[in-house]
Amino acid sequence: MTLNKRKKNSRMHGTHTHGYGGKKKHRGAGSRGGRGMAGTGKKGDVQKPSIWGNTNYFGKQGFHSHRKTKFAINISYFNNQAEKLLLAKKIEKEGDFFIIDCKKLKINKILGSGKLKIKLKIKADSITPKAMEKIQNAGGEIIE
């Protein structure tokens, strides 16, 4: 095994084109007119008719995020926002109870942080045990 191997470049000294043919060859993307869809601007006359017919040529196409957002909220949020949500008709009120459908509010999970001062009837995909306990202690219910 050789320790100091000679570079191929050094063998090409004095060969004028370093083994890549004509002078204009091997100059990066510029030698082929650019990268991707480059070269179809003002002077790309040969390609223009084919571009006019293709509606997908310009702009971005074809990306769709498959990530589903998980949205969790603490029960203390409803203390502050219950009246506002009621005015916006996103929740309902029946007697002392605020009736909350979490699918309407795009909430997936109810967390148990904070104090609850109002009575709630909540319908949610998932509720933590701590949140369940606080809702029931405040006189509320959990609808399955």
N, C-alpha and C. Protein backbone atom coordinates (compact mmCIF):
# COMPACT_ATOMS: atom_id res chain seq x y z
N MET A 1 0.84 -1.19 0.00
CA MET A 1 0.00 0.00 0.00
C MET A 1 0.88 1.25 0.00
N THR A 2 0.58 2.14 -0.93
CA THR A 2 1.38 3.36 -1.00
C THR A 2 0.83 4.39 -0.04
N LEU A 3 1.72 5.09 0.62
CA LEU A 3 1.30 6.10 1.59
C LEU A 3 0.93 7.40 0.91
N ASN A 4 1.73 7.83 -0.03
CA ASN A 4 1.47 9.09 -0.70
C ASN A 4 1.11 8.83 -2.16
N LYS A 5 -0.17 8.56 -2.39
CA LYS A 5 -0.62 8.24 -3.74
C LYS A 5 -0.71 9.52 -4.55
N ARG A 6 -0.24 9.46 -5.77
CA ARG A 6 -0.31 10.62 -6.66
C ARG A 6 -1.74 10.87 -7.09
N LYS A 7 -2.10 12.12 -7.20
CA LYS A 7 -3.43 12.45 -7.69
C LYS A 7 -3.46 12.31 -9.20
N LYS A 8 -4.66 11.92 -9.71
CA LYS A 8 -4.84 11.77 -11.14
C LYS A 8 -4.59 13.11 -11.84
N ASN A 9 -4.95 14.17 -11.15
CA ASN A 9 -4.79 15.52 -11.67
C ASN A 9 -3.35 15.81 -12.08
N SER A 10 -2.42 15.33 -11.27
CA SER A 10 -1.01 15.61 -11.56
C SER A 10 -0.55 14.91 -12.84
N ARG A 11 -1.18 13.81 -13.18
CA ARG A 11 -0.81 13.09 -14.41
C ARG A 11 -1.33 13.82 -15.65
N MET A 12 -2.27 14.71 -15.43
CA MET A 12 -2.88 15.41 -16.54
C MET A 12 -2.21 16.76 -16.84
N HIS A 13 -1.21 17.13 -16.06
CA HIS A 13 -0.54 18.40 -16.33
C HIS A 13 0.00 18.43 -17.75
N GLY A 14 -0.31 19.52 -18.46
CA GLY A 14 0.18 19.66 -19.81
C GLY A 14 -0.69 19.00 -20.87
N THR A 15 -1.84 18.41 -20.47
CA THR A 15 -2.65 17.72 -21.48
C THR A 15 -3.77 18.61 -22.02
N HIS A 16 -3.83 19.84 -21.65
CA HIS A 16 -4.70 20.86 -22.23
C HIS A 16 -6.17 20.73 -21.82
N THR A 17 -6.74 19.51 -21.83
CA THR A 17 -8.16 19.37 -21.48
C THR A 17 -8.37 18.37 -20.35
N HIS A 18 -7.31 17.83 -19.79
CA HIS A 18 -7.39 16.87 -18.69
C HIS A 18 -8.27 15.66 -18.98
N GLY A 19 -8.32 15.26 -20.21
CA GLY A 19 -9.02 14.03 -20.56
C GLY A 19 -10.53 14.17 -20.74
N TYR A 20 -11.04 15.39 -20.85
CA TYR A 20 -12.48 15.58 -21.00
C TYR A 20 -12.87 16.07 -22.39
N GLY A 21 -12.11 15.80 -23.37
CA GLY A 21 -12.48 16.15 -24.73
C GLY A 21 -12.26 17.61 -25.03
N GLY A 22 -13.26 18.24 -25.71
CA GLY A 22 -13.12 19.63 -26.13
C GLY A 22 -13.01 20.60 -24.97
N LYS A 23 -12.63 21.84 -25.31
CA LYS A 23 -12.40 22.85 -24.27
C LYS A 23 -13.66 23.18 -23.48
N LYS A 24 -14.83 23.12 -24.13
CA LYS A 24 -16.05 23.55 -23.46
C LYS A 24 -16.72 22.44 -22.65
N LYS A 25 -16.20 21.23 -22.72
CA LYS A 25 -16.80 20.13 -21.98
C LYS A 25 -16.38 20.21 -20.50
N HIS A 26 -17.14 19.52 -19.66
CA HIS A 26 -16.81 19.36 -18.24
C HIS A 26 -16.71 20.70 -17.52
N ARG A 27 -17.75 21.50 -17.64
CA ARG A 27 -17.75 22.78 -16.94
C ARG A 27 -18.92 22.90 -15.98
N GLY A 28 -19.41 21.80 -15.47
CA GLY A 28 -20.52 21.85 -14.52
C GLY A 28 -21.85 21.96 -15.23
N ALA A 29 -22.85 22.48 -14.53
CA ALA A 29 -24.20 22.53 -15.07
C ALA A 29 -24.29 23.50 -16.25
N GLY A 30 -23.35 24.43 -16.33
CA GLY A 30 -23.38 25.39 -17.41
C GLY A 30 -23.16 24.76 -18.77
N SER A 31 -22.48 23.63 -18.79
CA SER A 31 -22.20 22.99 -20.06
C SER A 31 -23.44 22.29 -20.62
N ARG A 32 -24.45 22.06 -19.78
CA ARG A 32 -25.67 21.42 -20.27
C ARG A 32 -26.88 22.35 -20.16
N GLY A 33 -26.63 23.64 -20.02
CA GLY A 33 -27.72 24.62 -20.05
C GLY A 33 -28.35 24.90 -18.71
N GLY A 34 -27.80 24.40 -17.64
CA GLY A 34 -28.35 24.66 -16.31
C GLY A 34 -28.88 23.40 -15.67
N ARG A 35 -29.39 23.54 -14.46
CA ARG A 35 -29.93 22.39 -13.73
C ARG A 35 -31.45 22.40 -13.80
N GLY A 36 -32.05 21.25 -13.83
CA GLY A 36 -33.50 21.13 -13.78
C GLY A 36 -34.18 21.70 -14.99
N MET A 37 -35.11 22.64 -14.75
CA MET A 37 -35.90 23.21 -15.85
C MET A 37 -35.33 24.53 -16.33
N ALA A 38 -34.04 24.73 -16.11
CA ALA A 38 -33.42 25.98 -16.54
C ALA A 38 -33.32 26.04 -18.06
N GLY A 39 -33.17 27.25 -18.56
CA GLY A 39 -32.95 27.41 -19.99
C GLY A 39 -34.22 27.49 -20.80
N THR A 40 -35.36 27.71 -20.16
CA THR A 40 -36.61 27.79 -20.92
C THR A 40 -37.19 29.20 -20.80
N GLY A 41 -36.33 30.16 -20.63
CA GLY A 41 -36.78 31.54 -20.50
C GLY A 41 -36.96 32.20 -21.85
N LYS A 42 -36.45 33.42 -21.98
CA LYS A 42 -36.65 34.20 -23.20
C LYS A 42 -36.05 33.53 -24.43
N LYS A 43 -34.89 32.90 -24.24
CA LYS A 43 -34.20 32.36 -25.40
C LYS A 43 -34.44 30.87 -25.61
N GLY A 44 -35.28 30.24 -24.79
CA GLY A 44 -35.55 28.81 -24.97
C GLY A 44 -36.63 28.60 -26.01
N ASP A 45 -36.47 29.19 -27.19
CA ASP A 45 -37.52 29.23 -28.20
C ASP A 45 -37.97 27.85 -28.67
N VAL A 46 -37.05 26.91 -28.73
CA VAL A 46 -37.39 25.59 -29.24
C VAL A 46 -38.39 24.91 -28.30
N GLN A 47 -38.23 25.16 -26.99
CA GLN A 47 -39.05 24.47 -26.01
C GLN A 47 -40.36 25.19 -25.69
N LYS A 48 -40.52 26.43 -26.11
CA LYS A 48 -41.69 27.20 -25.70
C LYS A 48 -43.04 26.57 -26.06
N PRO A 49 -43.24 26.09 -27.26
CA PRO A 49 -44.55 25.49 -27.56
C PRO A 49 -44.90 24.32 -26.65
N SER A 50 -43.90 23.52 -26.27
CA SER A 50 -44.18 22.39 -25.38
C SER A 50 -44.49 22.86 -23.96
N ILE A 51 -43.95 24.01 -23.57
CA ILE A 51 -44.23 24.56 -22.24
C ILE A 51 -45.64 25.13 -22.19
N TRP A 52 -46.06 25.80 -23.24
CA TRP A 52 -47.39 26.42 -23.24
C TRP A 52 -48.49 25.40 -23.02
N GLY A 53 -48.33 24.22 -23.57
CA GLY A 53 -49.35 23.19 -23.44
C GLY A 53 -49.35 22.50 -22.09
N ASN A 54 -48.25 22.60 -21.35
CA ASN A 54 -48.11 21.89 -20.08
C ASN A 54 -48.49 22.81 -18.92
N THR A 55 -49.64 22.58 -18.32
CA THR A 55 -50.10 23.45 -17.22
C THR A 55 -49.35 23.21 -15.93
N ASN A 56 -48.69 22.07 -15.80
CA ASN A 56 -47.95 21.77 -14.57
C ASN A 56 -46.50 22.22 -14.61
N TYR A 57 -46.11 22.93 -15.65
CA TYR A 57 -44.70 23.28 -15.80
C TYR A 57 -44.25 24.29 -14.74
N PHE A 58 -45.02 25.36 -14.55
CA PHE A 58 -44.62 26.40 -13.62
C PHE A 58 -45.25 26.18 -12.25
N GLY A 59 -44.56 26.60 -11.20
CA GLY A 59 -45.09 26.52 -9.84
C GLY A 59 -44.82 25.18 -9.18
N LYS A 60 -45.25 25.10 -7.93
CA LYS A 60 -45.01 23.89 -7.15
C LYS A 60 -46.21 22.95 -7.28
N GLN A 61 -45.92 21.66 -7.36
CA GLN A 61 -46.99 20.66 -7.41
C GLN A 61 -46.62 19.46 -6.56
N GLY A 62 -47.64 18.82 -6.07
CA GLY A 62 -47.49 17.46 -5.57
C GLY A 62 -46.92 17.23 -4.21
N PHE A 63 -47.04 18.15 -3.26
CA PHE A 63 -46.62 17.81 -1.91
C PHE A 63 -47.81 17.91 -0.98
N HIS A 64 -48.03 16.86 -0.21
CA HIS A 64 -49.13 16.85 0.74
C HIS A 64 -48.61 16.27 2.04
N SER A 65 -48.73 17.01 3.11
CA SER A 65 -48.25 16.55 4.40
C SER A 65 -49.22 15.53 4.98
N HIS A 66 -48.71 14.40 5.40
CA HIS A 66 -49.54 13.36 5.99
C HIS A 66 -49.52 13.44 7.51
N ARG A 67 -48.85 14.43 8.06
CA ARG A 67 -48.76 14.56 9.50
C ARG A 67 -50.10 15.04 10.05
N LYS A 68 -50.62 14.35 11.02
CA LYS A 68 -51.86 14.77 11.65
C LYS A 68 -51.50 15.51 12.93
N THR A 69 -52.01 16.71 13.07
CA THR A 69 -51.66 17.49 14.23
C THR A 69 -52.43 17.00 15.44
N LYS A 70 -51.74 16.83 16.53
CA LYS A 70 -52.35 16.48 17.80
C LYS A 70 -52.46 17.78 18.59
N PHE A 71 -53.64 18.05 19.08
CA PHE A 71 -53.84 19.31 19.79
C PHE A 71 -54.37 19.01 21.17
N ALA A 72 -53.61 19.34 22.19
CA ALA A 72 -54.01 19.10 23.58
C ALA A 72 -54.18 20.43 24.28
N ILE A 73 -55.10 20.44 25.25
CA ILE A 73 -55.40 21.68 25.96
C ILE A 73 -55.62 21.38 27.44
N ASN A 74 -55.21 22.29 28.29
CA ASN A 74 -55.42 22.15 29.73
C ASN A 74 -56.83 22.58 30.11
N ILE A 75 -57.33 22.03 31.22
CA ILE A 75 -58.70 22.38 31.64
C ILE A 75 -58.79 23.83 32.08
N SER A 76 -57.68 24.40 32.50
CA SER A 76 -57.69 25.81 32.94
C SER A 76 -58.05 26.75 31.78
N TYR A 77 -57.84 26.31 30.54
CA TYR A 77 -58.19 27.10 29.36
C TYR A 77 -59.68 27.41 29.34
N PHE A 78 -60.50 26.43 29.75
CA PHE A 78 -61.95 26.62 29.70
C PHE A 78 -62.45 27.61 30.76
N ASN A 79 -61.70 27.74 31.88
CA ASN A 79 -62.06 28.78 32.87
C ASN A 79 -62.07 30.16 32.23
N ASN A 80 -61.03 30.44 31.49
CA ASN A 80 -60.85 31.78 30.92
C ASN A 80 -61.67 31.98 29.65
N GLN A 81 -61.82 30.93 28.85
CA GLN A 81 -62.36 31.08 27.51
C GLN A 81 -63.79 30.60 27.33
N ALA A 82 -64.43 30.05 28.35
CA ALA A 82 -65.77 29.47 28.20
C ALA A 82 -66.78 30.49 27.69
N GLU A 83 -66.77 31.69 28.25
CA GLU A 83 -67.74 32.72 27.83
C GLU A 83 -67.49 33.15 26.38
N LYS A 84 -66.23 33.30 26.02
CA LYS A 84 -65.89 33.70 24.65
C LYS A 84 -66.31 32.62 23.64
N LEU A 85 -66.06 31.36 24.00
CA LEU A 85 -66.44 30.25 23.13
C LEU A 85 -67.96 30.15 23.00
N LEU A 86 -68.67 30.51 24.08
CA LEU A 86 -70.13 30.49 24.07
C LEU A 86 -70.68 31.57 23.13
N LEU A 87 -70.08 32.75 23.19
CA LEU A 87 -70.49 33.85 22.30
C LEU A 87 -70.20 33.52 20.84
N ALA A 88 -69.10 32.80 20.59
CA ALA A 88 -68.75 32.41 19.23
C ALA A 88 -69.52 31.17 18.77
N LYS A 89 -70.38 30.64 19.64
CA LYS A 89 -71.23 29.47 19.37
C LYS A 89 -70.42 28.22 19.04
N LYS A 90 -69.27 28.10 19.70
CA LYS A 90 -68.46 26.89 19.54
C LYS A 90 -68.76 25.87 20.64
N ILE A 91 -69.33 26.36 21.75
CA ILE A 91 -69.81 25.46 22.80
C ILE A 91 -71.23 25.90 23.18
N GLU A 92 -71.90 25.06 23.96
CA GLU A 92 -73.28 25.36 24.37
C GLU A 92 -73.36 25.42 25.89
N LYS A 93 -74.45 26.01 26.38
CA LYS A 93 -74.67 26.06 27.82
C LYS A 93 -76.06 25.51 28.13
N GLU A 94 -76.10 24.63 29.12
CA GLU A 94 -77.35 24.01 29.54
C GLU A 94 -77.41 24.09 31.06
N GLY A 95 -78.16 25.05 31.57
CA GLY A 95 -78.19 25.28 33.02
C GLY A 95 -76.85 25.83 33.48
N ASP A 96 -76.25 25.12 34.45
CA ASP A 96 -74.91 25.51 34.95
C ASP A 96 -73.78 24.91 34.11
N PHE A 97 -74.12 23.95 33.26
CA PHE A 97 -73.09 23.19 32.53
C PHE A 97 -72.74 23.83 31.19
N PHE A 98 -71.43 23.87 30.93
CA PHE A 98 -70.93 24.21 29.60
C PHE A 98 -70.71 22.89 28.86
N ILE A 99 -71.37 22.70 27.71
CA ILE A 99 -71.25 21.46 26.95
C ILE A 99 -70.20 21.67 25.85
N ILE A 100 -69.15 20.86 25.91
CA ILE A 100 -68.01 21.04 25.00
C ILE A 100 -67.82 19.77 24.18
N ASP A 101 -67.89 19.93 22.85
CA ASP A 101 -67.55 18.84 21.93
C ASP A 101 -66.17 19.16 21.36
N CYS A 102 -65.19 18.38 21.74
CA CYS A 102 -63.80 18.68 21.38
C CYS A 102 -63.53 18.54 19.89
N LYS A 103 -64.33 17.76 19.17
CA LYS A 103 -64.13 17.65 17.72
C LYS A 103 -64.45 18.96 17.03
N LYS A 104 -65.46 19.68 17.54
CA LYS A 104 -65.79 20.98 16.97
C LYS A 104 -64.64 21.97 17.16
N LEU A 105 -63.99 21.89 18.32
CA LEU A 105 -62.89 22.80 18.63
C LEU A 105 -61.55 22.30 18.11
N LYS A 106 -61.54 21.11 17.46
CA LYS A 106 -60.32 20.49 16.93
C LYS A 106 -59.30 20.22 18.03
N ILE A 107 -59.80 19.72 19.16
CA ILE A 107 -58.94 19.35 20.29
C ILE A 107 -58.97 17.84 20.40
N ASN A 108 -57.79 17.22 20.52
CA ASN A 108 -57.72 15.76 20.62
C ASN A 108 -57.64 15.27 22.05
N LYS A 109 -57.04 16.09 22.93
CA LYS A 109 -56.77 15.60 24.28
C LYS A 109 -56.97 16.70 25.30
N ILE A 110 -57.53 16.33 26.46
CA ILE A 110 -57.71 17.26 27.57
C ILE A 110 -56.70 16.90 28.66
N LEU A 111 -55.92 17.89 29.05
CA LEU A 111 -54.91 17.70 30.09
C LEU A 111 -55.40 18.32 31.40
N GLY A 112 -54.79 17.90 32.51
CA GLY A 112 -55.33 18.28 33.82
C GLY A 112 -54.60 19.39 34.54
N SER A 113 -53.91 20.26 33.85
CA SER A 113 -53.19 21.33 34.53
C SER A 113 -54.12 22.50 34.84
N GLY A 114 -53.97 23.08 36.03
CA GLY A 114 -54.77 24.24 36.42
C GLY A 114 -55.98 23.87 37.25
N LYS A 115 -56.70 24.90 37.70
CA LYS A 115 -57.90 24.69 38.52
C LYS A 115 -59.13 24.92 37.65
N LEU A 116 -60.18 24.15 37.93
CA LEU A 116 -61.42 24.27 37.19
C LEU A 116 -62.49 24.85 38.11
N LYS A 117 -63.09 25.98 37.71
CA LYS A 117 -64.08 26.67 38.54
C LYS A 117 -65.49 26.55 37.99
N ILE A 118 -65.63 25.98 36.79
CA ILE A 118 -66.95 25.88 36.16
C ILE A 118 -67.30 24.41 35.94
N LYS A 119 -68.60 24.15 35.73
CA LYS A 119 -69.06 22.79 35.49
C LYS A 119 -69.05 22.51 33.98
N LEU A 120 -68.42 21.40 33.62
CA LEU A 120 -68.29 21.06 32.21
C LEU A 120 -68.92 19.70 31.91
N LYS A 121 -69.50 19.58 30.73
CA LYS A 121 -69.84 18.29 30.16
C LYS A 121 -68.96 18.18 28.91
N ILE A 122 -67.97 17.29 28.99
CA ILE A 122 -66.96 17.23 27.93
C ILE A 122 -67.07 15.92 27.15
N LYS A 123 -66.97 16.04 25.82
CA LYS A 123 -66.87 14.88 24.94
C LYS A 123 -65.54 15.02 24.20
N ALA A 124 -64.59 14.11 24.49
CA ALA A 124 -63.25 14.21 23.89
C ALA A 124 -62.72 12.83 23.53
N ASP A 125 -61.75 12.79 22.63
CA ASP A 125 -61.12 11.53 22.24
C ASP A 125 -60.33 10.94 23.40
N SER A 126 -59.59 11.80 24.09
CA SER A 126 -58.84 11.29 25.24
C SER A 126 -58.72 12.36 26.33
N ILE A 127 -58.86 11.89 27.55
CA ILE A 127 -58.78 12.77 28.72
C ILE A 127 -57.85 12.10 29.72
N THR A 128 -56.91 12.85 30.27
CA THR A 128 -55.99 12.28 31.25
C THR A 128 -56.74 12.01 32.56
N PRO A 129 -56.26 11.05 33.35
CA PRO A 129 -56.93 10.74 34.62
C PRO A 129 -57.01 11.94 35.57
N LYS A 130 -55.97 12.76 35.57
CA LYS A 130 -55.95 13.96 36.43
C LYS A 130 -57.05 14.94 35.99
N ALA A 131 -57.24 15.09 34.68
CA ALA A 131 -58.28 15.98 34.17
C ALA A 131 -59.66 15.43 34.50
N MET A 132 -59.84 14.11 34.38
CA MET A 132 -61.12 13.48 34.73
C MET A 132 -61.49 13.77 36.18
N GLU A 133 -60.51 13.60 37.04
CA GLU A 133 -60.71 13.81 38.48
C GLU A 133 -61.12 15.26 38.76
N LYS A 134 -60.45 16.22 38.14
CA LYS A 134 -60.74 17.64 38.38
C LYS A 134 -62.11 18.03 37.83
N ILE A 135 -62.49 17.46 36.68
CA ILE A 135 -63.80 17.77 36.09
C ILE A 135 -64.91 17.25 37.01
N GLN A 136 -64.74 16.02 37.52
CA GLN A 136 -65.76 15.43 38.40
C GLN A 136 -65.80 16.14 39.75
N ASN A 137 -64.67 16.56 40.28
CA ASN A 137 -64.64 17.31 41.55
C ASN A 137 -65.33 18.66 41.45
N ALA A 138 -65.29 19.26 40.25
CA ALA A 138 -65.94 20.55 40.04
C ALA A 138 -67.44 20.39 39.77
N GLY A 139 -67.92 19.13 39.72
CA GLY A 139 -69.33 18.88 39.49
C GLY A 139 -69.67 18.66 38.01
N GLY A 140 -68.66 18.39 37.21
CA GLY A 140 -68.87 18.18 35.79
C GLY A 140 -69.02 16.72 35.41
N GLU A 141 -69.24 16.47 34.13
CA GLU A 141 -69.41 15.11 33.62
C GLU A 141 -68.56 14.90 32.38
N ILE A 142 -68.26 13.61 32.14
CA ILE A 142 -67.54 13.25 30.92
C ILE A 142 -68.46 12.38 30.08
N ILE A 143 -68.75 12.83 28.86
CA ILE A 143 -69.66 12.12 27.96
C ILE A 143 -68.82 11.18 27.10
N GLU A 144 -69.19 9.92 27.07
CA GLU A 144 -68.47 8.93 26.26
C GLU A 144 -68.88 9.05 24.81
